[in-house]
Amino acid sequence: MHPLLERQQKLHSEASQLLQETVLPILKDFGEARIGGSYAFQLLNQPDIDIDLINTDLSKALYSELCKRFISLDGTSRFKTTDRVNFPHHHPGNRPTGYWLAPSIQYGQHTWNLDIWFQKPEWYTGKTNVYLDKMSNITEEQKILILSMKEEALAKNIYGVGKEFMSVDIYDGVLLENIQTLSDLHGYKSSNR
């Protein structure tokens, strides 16, 4: 098995255990959790899980209680949060309306960064799972290419929110345009702005 696929499998297994043992038991008390992103696509290359949490009765008090539950975990080493309900984004459309929380939890061999958007159903965009259908037919070669491009972008410090490339850029490039290199992806992004 390719080393990147093997690493992905190990990360996915550890993430699944963290979700089942710690995260989902908390989230079930606050709404319907929808796991997305690289975990859902089985394309993990770093310990990161994207979650949408949907609740019709969402309130700031409920959000505060959810934050408290994650902060009180023994494994929580860092915690970030933003209120994008009462303090909207400067650039709407880039991020959803909702409460964002990002606990970092020590679990297994890694520090897992959770990216949770707590939203009402009418705010839910489904963007964390937008590629789910396309990923159902992905080849092993495409998986390796996506993981390789993510690794290269991480090593060059050009991957992540606010940087040159995000996962969606790599997914679009590989799945829609058959792009094979970060250099080609840069050219593709530049020409489609």
Protein backbone atom coordinates (compact mmCIF):
# COMPACT_ATOMS: atom_id res chain seq x y z
CA MET A 1 0.00 0.00 0.00
CA HIS A 2 1.20 3.52 -0.79
CA PRO A 3 2.60 5.25 2.35
CA LEU A 4 0.20 8.21 2.01
CA LEU A 5 -2.80 5.85 1.85
CA GLU A 6 -1.46 3.92 4.82
CA ARG A 7 -1.05 7.14 6.81
CA GLN A 8 -4.56 8.22 5.80
CA GLN A 9 -5.96 4.92 7.05
CA LYS A 10 -4.24 5.32 10.42
CA LEU A 11 -5.46 8.91 10.78
CA HIS A 12 -8.98 7.90 9.75
CA SER A 13 -9.04 5.06 12.28
CA GLU A 14 -7.85 7.33 15.09
CA ALA A 15 -10.35 10.03 14.07
CA SER A 16 -13.17 7.48 14.09
CA GLN A 17 -12.27 6.44 17.63
CA LEU A 18 -12.12 10.07 18.79
CA LEU A 19 -15.50 10.78 17.22
CA GLN A 20 -17.18 7.69 18.72
CA GLU A 21 -15.63 7.91 22.20
CA THR A 22 -15.53 11.66 22.80
CA VAL A 23 -16.93 14.04 20.20
CA LEU A 24 -20.24 12.52 19.05
CA PRO A 25 -21.45 11.81 22.63
CA ILE A 26 -21.12 15.56 23.29
CA LEU A 27 -22.59 16.71 19.99
CA LYS A 28 -25.71 14.50 20.24
CA ASP A 29 -26.89 16.71 23.11
CA PHE A 30 -26.73 19.80 20.91
CA GLY A 31 -28.09 18.85 17.51
CA GLU A 32 -27.53 16.74 14.41
CA ALA A 33 -23.84 16.28 13.61
CA ARG A 34 -22.74 15.94 9.99
CA ILE A 35 -19.11 14.92 9.55
CA GLY A 36 -17.56 16.18 6.34
CA GLY A 37 -14.35 17.25 4.67
CA SER A 38 -11.25 15.09 4.40
CA TYR A 39 -12.49 12.65 7.04
CA ALA A 40 -15.70 11.91 5.09
CA PHE A 41 -13.72 11.62 1.83
CA GLN A 42 -11.03 9.43 3.45
CA LEU A 43 -8.36 11.91 2.34
CA LEU A 44 -6.89 12.86 5.71
CA ASN A 45 -3.30 13.98 5.66
CA GLN A 46 -3.39 15.83 8.98
CA PRO A 47 -5.41 15.41 12.20
CA ASP A 48 -8.35 17.65 11.31
CA ILE A 49 -12.11 16.95 11.34
CA ASP A 50 -14.81 19.18 9.82
CA ILE A 51 -18.24 19.01 11.47
CA ASP A 52 -21.52 20.80 10.87
CA LEU A 53 -23.86 20.77 13.87
CA ILE A 54 -27.47 21.64 13.07
CA ASN A 55 -30.12 22.67 15.61
CA THR A 56 -33.43 24.48 15.00
CA ASP A 57 -33.40 25.83 18.57
CA LEU A 58 -29.88 27.22 18.42
CA SER A 59 -29.20 30.07 20.83
CA LYS A 60 -26.17 31.84 22.23
CA ALA A 61 -26.79 30.10 25.57
CA LEU A 62 -26.73 26.67 23.88
CA TYR A 63 -23.57 27.64 22.01
CA SER A 64 -21.95 28.70 25.30
CA GLU A 65 -22.85 25.36 26.86
CA LEU A 66 -21.33 23.48 23.90
CA CYS A 67 -18.11 25.49 24.24
CA LYS A 68 -18.03 24.71 27.97
CA ARG A 69 -18.35 20.96 27.31
CA PHE A 70 -15.34 20.96 24.95
CA ILE A 71 -13.24 23.25 27.12
CA SER A 72 -13.80 20.99 30.14
CA LEU A 73 -12.41 17.89 28.39
CA ASP A 74 -9.09 16.73 29.85
CA GLY A 75 -7.62 16.41 26.35
CA THR A 76 -8.50 19.94 25.18
CA SER A 77 -5.21 21.83 24.80
CA ARG A 78 -6.44 24.86 22.84
CA PHE A 79 -9.78 26.41 21.99
CA LYS A 80 -10.84 29.03 19.45
CA THR A 81 -14.31 30.33 18.71
CA THR A 82 -16.12 33.02 16.73
CA ASP A 83 -19.70 34.30 16.85
CA ARG A 84 -20.73 34.70 13.19
CA VAL A 85 -24.39 35.07 14.12
CA ASN A 86 -24.22 38.39 15.97
CA PHE A 87 -20.98 39.48 14.30
CA PRO A 88 -21.27 38.51 10.60
CA HIS A 89 -18.37 37.98 8.26
CA HIS A 90 -16.87 40.92 6.40
CA HIS A 91 -16.99 38.77 3.26
CA PRO A 92 -20.27 36.83 3.36
CA GLY A 93 -20.31 33.72 1.21
CA ASN A 94 -16.81 32.62 2.22
CA ARG A 95 -17.98 31.22 5.54
CA PRO A 96 -21.42 30.26 6.82
CA THR A 97 -23.57 32.05 9.35
CA GLY A 98 -23.27 30.31 12.70
CA TYR A 99 -21.09 29.83 15.74
CA TRP A 100 -17.66 28.43 14.96
CA LEU A 101 -15.66 26.53 17.52
CA ALA A 102 -12.33 24.85 17.09
CA PRO A 103 -11.12 22.76 20.01
CA SER A 104 -7.75 21.04 19.75
CA ILE A 105 -7.92 17.69 21.51
CA GLN A 106 -5.02 15.44 22.43
CA TYR A 107 -6.08 11.94 21.43
CA GLY A 108 -4.09 8.88 20.44
CA GLN A 109 -0.88 9.90 18.69
CA HIS A 110 -2.08 13.37 17.61
CA THR A 111 -3.55 16.70 18.52
CA TRP A 112 -6.85 16.73 16.63
CA ASN A 113 -8.17 20.04 15.39
CA LEU A 114 -11.95 20.11 15.17
CA ASP A 115 -13.63 22.65 12.91
CA ILE A 116 -17.26 22.84 14.06
CA TRP A 117 -19.94 25.11 12.61
CA PHE A 118 -23.00 25.27 14.89
CA GLN A 119 -25.92 26.39 12.72
CA LYS A 120 -29.66 26.60 12.29
CA PRO A 121 -31.01 24.54 9.36
CA GLU A 122 -31.65 27.66 7.27
CA TRP A 123 -27.98 28.67 7.59
CA TYR A 124 -26.60 25.23 6.70
CA THR A 125 -24.82 25.27 3.34
CA GLY A 126 -23.57 21.68 3.19
CA LYS A 127 -20.21 22.88 1.89
CA THR A 128 -18.22 20.42 4.00
CA ASN A 129 -19.81 17.57 2.05
CA VAL A 130 -20.11 19.16 -1.38
CA TYR A 131 -17.66 16.66 -2.90
CA LEU A 132 -19.20 13.52 -1.43
CA ASP A 133 -20.77 12.35 -4.72
CA LYS A 134 -17.61 13.04 -6.72
CA MET A 135 -15.50 11.16 -4.18
CA SER A 136 -17.57 7.98 -4.53
CA ASN A 137 -15.87 7.24 -7.88
CA ILE A 138 -12.35 8.44 -7.08
CA THR A 139 -9.51 6.15 -8.13
CA GLU A 140 -6.62 5.11 -5.92
CA GLU A 141 -4.29 7.13 -8.18
CA GLN A 142 -6.42 10.24 -7.68
CA LYS A 143 -6.39 9.71 -3.91
CA ILE A 144 -2.60 9.44 -3.91
CA LEU A 145 -2.31 12.53 -6.12
CA ILE A 146 -4.61 14.58 -3.85
CA LEU A 147 -2.74 13.46 -0.72
CA SER A 148 0.62 14.17 -2.40
CA MET A 149 -0.45 17.66 -3.44
CA LYS A 150 -1.73 18.39 0.06
CA GLU A 151 1.57 17.20 1.54
CA GLU A 152 3.60 19.35 -0.85
CA ALA A 153 1.45 22.42 -0.16
CA LEU A 154 1.76 21.83 3.60
CA ALA A 155 5.54 21.52 3.33
CA LYS A 156 5.65 24.83 1.42
CA ASN A 157 3.32 26.47 3.97
CA ILE A 158 0.79 27.37 1.25
CA TYR A 159 -2.07 25.09 2.38
CA GLY A 160 -4.92 26.01 4.71
CA VAL A 161 -7.41 28.76 5.44
CA GLY A 162 -6.03 32.11 4.32
CA LYS A 163 -3.24 30.53 2.28
CA GLU A 164 -2.85 29.90 -1.44
CA PHE A 165 -4.52 26.48 -1.50
CA MET A 166 -7.28 24.81 0.44
CA SER A 167 -8.52 21.24 0.06
CA VAL A 168 -11.33 22.37 -2.25
CA ASP A 169 -8.78 23.84 -4.67
CA ILE A 170 -6.93 20.54 -4.88
CA TYR A 171 -10.17 18.53 -5.20
CA ASP A 172 -11.39 20.79 -8.02
CA GLY A 173 -8.04 20.64 -9.79
CA VAL A 174 -7.66 16.88 -9.66
CA LEU A 175 -11.30 15.80 -10.08
CA LEU A 176 -12.55 18.41 -12.53
CA GLU A 177 -9.46 19.44 -14.48
CA ASN A 178 -7.14 16.41 -14.16
CA ILE A 179 -4.39 18.66 -12.76
CA GLN A 180 -1.26 16.77 -11.71
CA THR A 181 0.99 19.37 -10.00
CA LEU A 182 0.73 22.33 -7.64
CA SER A 183 2.32 24.49 -10.31
CA ASP A 184 -0.46 23.61 -12.74
CA LEU A 185 -3.02 24.16 -9.99
CA HIS A 186 -1.61 27.63 -9.37
CA GLY A 187 -1.99 28.44 -13.07
CA TYR A 188 -5.52 27.06 -13.11
CA LYS A 189 -6.53 29.13 -10.06
CA SER A 190 -4.95 32.27 -11.51
CA SER A 191 -6.80 31.93 -14.80
CA ASN A 192 -10.17 31.27 -13.11
CA ARG A 193 -10.29 34.19 -10.68
